[in-house]
């Protein structure tokens, strides 16, 4: 096949599909945002626990102190999870309205105060 004449093989739809046909609904947006949030919670939580546990066992920290550090490690995990929930919901709303994704704002209250 001649590589110079490959542009005729691209098939494009005559009209773009409507936004509602693409599966954007409030429930679908919620499921997508919830999935991203749950993924962030699980990954960050398990990474924090594994890091604290490995470091504590490596240097011989008592178990009580290790559990206290794990309890303090919950704070950044919860912060990142709440921020991810707000950002994911914001992005889903942007995509549902046909807009492009914007630059993330790393401020917890930015996505919580938007309606």
C-alpha atoms as a PDB file:
ATOM      1  CA  UNK A   1       0.000   0.000   0.000  1.00  0.00           C
ATOM      2  CA  UNK A   2       1.212   3.458  -0.802  1.00  0.00           C
ATOM      3  CA  UNK A   3       1.817   5.474   2.402  1.00  0.00           C
ATOM      4  CA  UNK A   4       1.253   8.808   0.634  1.00  0.00           C
ATOM      5  CA  UNK A   5      -2.467   8.176   0.143  1.00  0.00           C
ATOM      6  CA  UNK A   6      -3.550   7.063   3.633  1.00  0.00           C
ATOM      7  CA  UNK A   7      -5.630  10.161   4.465  1.00  0.00           C
ATOM      8  CA  UNK A   8      -8.658   8.754   2.624  1.00  0.00           C
ATOM      9  CA  UNK A   9      -8.835   5.843   5.089  1.00  0.00           C
ATOM     10  CA  UNK A  10      -9.761   8.021   8.081  1.00  0.00           C
ATOM     11  CA  UNK A  11     -13.461   7.753   8.791  1.00  0.00           C
ATOM     12  CA  UNK A  12     -15.048  10.651  10.635  1.00  0.00           C
ATOM     13  CA  UNK A  13     -18.699  10.902  11.658  1.00  0.00           C
ATOM     14  CA  UNK A  14     -20.819  13.336   9.653  1.00  0.00           C
ATOM     15  CA  UNK A  15     -22.057  15.012  12.818  1.00  0.00           C
ATOM     16  CA  UNK A  16     -20.549  14.696  16.282  1.00  0.00           C
ATOM     17  CA  UNK A  17     -22.698  12.754  18.765  1.00  0.00           C
ATOM     18  CA  UNK A  18     -24.671  14.695  21.343  1.00  0.00           C
ATOM     19  CA  UNK A  19     -23.280  14.984  24.872  1.00  0.00           C
ATOM     20  CA  UNK A  20     -26.105  12.970  26.388  1.00  0.00           C
ATOM     21  CA  UNK A  21     -25.395  10.072  24.039  1.00  0.00           C
ATOM     22  CA  UNK A  22     -21.851   9.804  25.368  1.00  0.00           C
ATOM     23  CA  UNK A  23     -22.985   8.620  28.776  1.00  0.00           C
ATOM     24  CA  UNK A  24     -22.677  11.798  30.844  1.00  0.00           C
ATOM     25  CA  UNK A  25     -25.280  11.830  33.561  1.00  0.00           C
ATOM     26  CA  UNK A  26     -25.196  12.936  37.193  1.00  0.00           C
ATOM     27  CA  UNK A  27     -25.122   9.296  38.293  1.00  0.00           C
ATOM     28  CA  UNK A  28     -22.343   8.415  35.844  1.00  0.00           C
ATOM     29  CA  UNK A  29     -20.346  11.440  36.952  1.00  0.00           C
ATOM     30  CA  UNK A  30     -20.823  10.444  40.574  1.00  0.00           C
ATOM     31  CA  UNK A  31     -19.657   6.885  39.903  1.00  0.00           C
ATOM     32  CA  UNK A  32     -16.545   8.106  38.054  1.00  0.00           C
ATOM     33  CA  UNK A  33     -15.690  10.654  40.772  1.00  0.00           C
ATOM     34  CA  UNK A  34     -16.361   8.111  43.523  1.00  0.00           C
ATOM     35  CA  UNK A  35     -14.122   5.568  41.805  1.00  0.00           C
ATOM     36  CA  UNK A  36     -11.242   8.034  41.535  1.00  0.00           C
ATOM     37  CA  UNK A  37     -11.717   9.027  45.166  1.00  0.00           C
ATOM     38  CA  UNK A  38     -11.811   5.442  46.398  1.00  0.00           C
ATOM     39  CA  UNK A  39      -8.722   4.628  44.354  1.00  0.00           C
ATOM     40  CA  UNK A  40      -6.854   7.566  45.897  1.00  0.00           C
ATOM     41  CA  UNK A  41      -7.907   6.568  49.411  1.00  0.00           C
ATOM     42  CA  UNK A  42      -6.804   2.955  48.965  1.00  0.00           C
ATOM     43  CA  UNK A  43      -3.495   3.732  47.257  1.00  0.00           C
ATOM     44  CA  UNK A  44      -2.425   6.543  49.567  1.00  0.00           C
ATOM     45  CA  UNK A  45      -3.629   4.747  52.686  1.00  0.00           C
ATOM     46  CA  UNK A  46      -1.811   1.547  51.870  1.00  0.00           C
ATOM     47  CA  UNK A  47       1.335   3.437  50.822  1.00  0.00           C
ATOM     48  CA  UNK A  48       1.341   5.387  54.094  1.00  0.00           C
ATOM     49  CA  UNK A  49       0.845   2.261  56.221  1.00  0.00           C
ATOM     50  CA  UNK A  50       3.497   0.287  54.340  1.00  0.00           C
ATOM     51  CA  UNK A  51       6.016   3.133  54.544  1.00  0.00           C
ATOM     52  CA  UNK A  52       5.506   3.745  58.260  1.00  0.00           C
ATOM     53  CA  UNK A  53       5.557   0.029  59.056  1.00  0.00           C
ATOM     54  CA  UNK A  54       8.718  -0.639  57.033  1.00  0.00           C
ATOM     55  CA  UNK A  55      10.542   2.356  58.492  1.00  0.00           C
ATOM     56  CA  UNK A  56       9.490   1.422  62.040  1.00  0.00           C
ATOM     57  CA  UNK A  57      10.658  -2.176  61.637  1.00  0.00           C
ATOM     58  CA  UNK A  58      13.883  -1.057  59.976  1.00  0.00           C
ATOM     59  CA  UNK A  59      15.002   1.183  62.823  1.00  0.00           C
ATOM     60  CA  UNK A  60      13.301  -0.748  65.643  1.00  0.00           C
ATOM     61  CA  UNK A  61      10.603   1.708  66.720  1.00  0.00           C
ATOM     62  CA  UNK A  62       8.181   0.316  69.339  1.00  0.00           C
ATOM     63  CA  UNK A  63       4.769  -0.707  68.027  1.00  0.00           C
ATOM     64  CA  UNK A  64       2.922   1.919  70.075  1.00  0.00           C
ATOM     65  CA  UNK A  65       4.944   4.727  68.480  1.00  0.00           C
ATOM     66  CA  UNK A  66       4.435   3.157  65.051  1.00  0.00           C
ATOM     67  CA  UNK A  67       0.653   3.206  65.544  1.00  0.00           C
ATOM     68  CA  UNK A  68       0.810   6.834  66.672  1.00  0.00           C
ATOM     69  CA  UNK A  69       2.705   7.804  63.517  1.00  0.00           C
ATOM     70  CA  UNK A  70       0.164   5.872  61.442  1.00  0.00           C
ATOM     71  CA  UNK A  71      -2.637   7.792  63.136  1.00  0.00           C
ATOM     72  CA  UNK A  72      -0.903  11.065  62.227  1.00  0.00           C
ATOM     73  CA  UNK A  73      -0.413   9.772  58.682  1.00  0.00           C
ATOM     74  CA  UNK A  74      -4.176   9.603  58.262  1.00  0.00           C
ATOM     75  CA  UNK A  75      -4.314  13.420  58.097  1.00  0.00           C
ATOM     76  CA  UNK A  76      -2.558  13.865  54.724  1.00  0.00           C
ATOM     77  CA  UNK A  77      -4.318  10.799  53.333  1.00  0.00           C
ATOM     78  CA  UNK A  78      -7.740  12.225  54.211  1.00  0.00           C
ATOM     79  CA  UNK A  79      -6.732  15.665  52.877  1.00  0.00           C
ATOM     80  CA  UNK A  80      -5.637  14.209  49.529  1.00  0.00           C
ATOM     81  CA  UNK A  81      -8.754  12.047  49.339  1.00  0.00           C
ATOM     82  CA  UNK A  82     -11.125  14.959  49.969  1.00  0.00           C
ATOM     83  CA  UNK A  83      -9.243  17.098  47.433  1.00  0.00           C
ATOM     84  CA  UNK A  84      -9.425  14.271  44.879  1.00  0.00           C
ATOM     85  CA  UNK A  85     -13.164  13.934  45.436  1.00  0.00           C
ATOM     86  CA  UNK A  86     -13.699  17.632  44.786  1.00  0.00           C
ATOM     87  CA  UNK A  87     -11.394  17.687  41.785  1.00  0.00           C
ATOM     88  CA  UNK A  88     -12.902  14.548  40.266  1.00  0.00           C
ATOM     89  CA  UNK A  89     -16.446  15.907  40.604  1.00  0.00           C
ATOM     90  CA  UNK A  90     -15.313  19.245  39.112  1.00  0.00           C
ATOM     91  CA  UNK A  91     -13.679  17.492  36.140  1.00  0.00           C
ATOM     92  CA  UNK A  92     -16.730  15.300  35.555  1.00  0.00           C
ATOM     93  CA  UNK A  93     -18.982  18.363  35.496  1.00  0.00           C
ATOM     94  CA  UNK A  94     -16.637  20.098  33.032  1.00  0.00           C
ATOM     95  CA  UNK A  95     -16.604  17.083  30.729  1.00  0.00           C
ATOM     96  CA  UNK A  96     -20.380  16.689  30.933  1.00  0.00           C
ATOM     97  CA  UNK A  97     -20.864  20.301  29.870  1.00  0.00           C
ATOM     98  CA  UNK A  98     -18.547  19.821  26.889  1.00  0.00           C
ATOM     99  CA  UNK A  99     -15.662  21.870  28.256  1.00  0.00           C
ATOM    100  CA  UNK A 100     -12.005  20.954  28.446  1.00  0.00           C
ATOM    101  CA  UNK A 101     -10.264  20.038  31.713  1.00  0.00           C
ATOM    102  CA  UNK A 102      -8.674  23.009  33.472  1.00  0.00           C
ATOM    103  CA  UNK A 103      -5.469  23.300  35.489  1.00  0.00           C
ATOM    104  CA  UNK A 104      -5.816  21.795  38.994  1.00  0.00           C
ATOM    105  CA  UNK A 105      -5.863  24.135  41.978  1.00  0.00           C
ATOM    106  CA  UNK A 106      -4.139  22.564  44.976  1.00  0.00           C
ATOM    107  CA  UNK A 107      -6.318  24.213  47.596  1.00  0.00           C
ATOM    108  CA  UNK A 108      -8.754  22.072  49.563  1.00  0.00           C
ATOM    109  CA  UNK A 109     -11.468  24.712  49.838  1.00  0.00           C
ATOM    110  CA  UNK A 110     -11.377  25.635  46.123  1.00  0.00           C
ATOM    111  CA  UNK A 111     -13.441  22.641  44.980  1.00  0.00           C
ATOM    112  CA  UNK A 112     -15.556  22.406  48.126  1.00  0.00           C
ATOM    113  CA  UNK A 113     -17.000  25.912  47.813  1.00  0.00           C
ATOM    114  CA  UNK A 114     -17.886  25.633  44.103  1.00  0.00           C
ATOM    115  CA  UNK A 115     -21.426  24.726  43.193  1.00  0.00           C
END
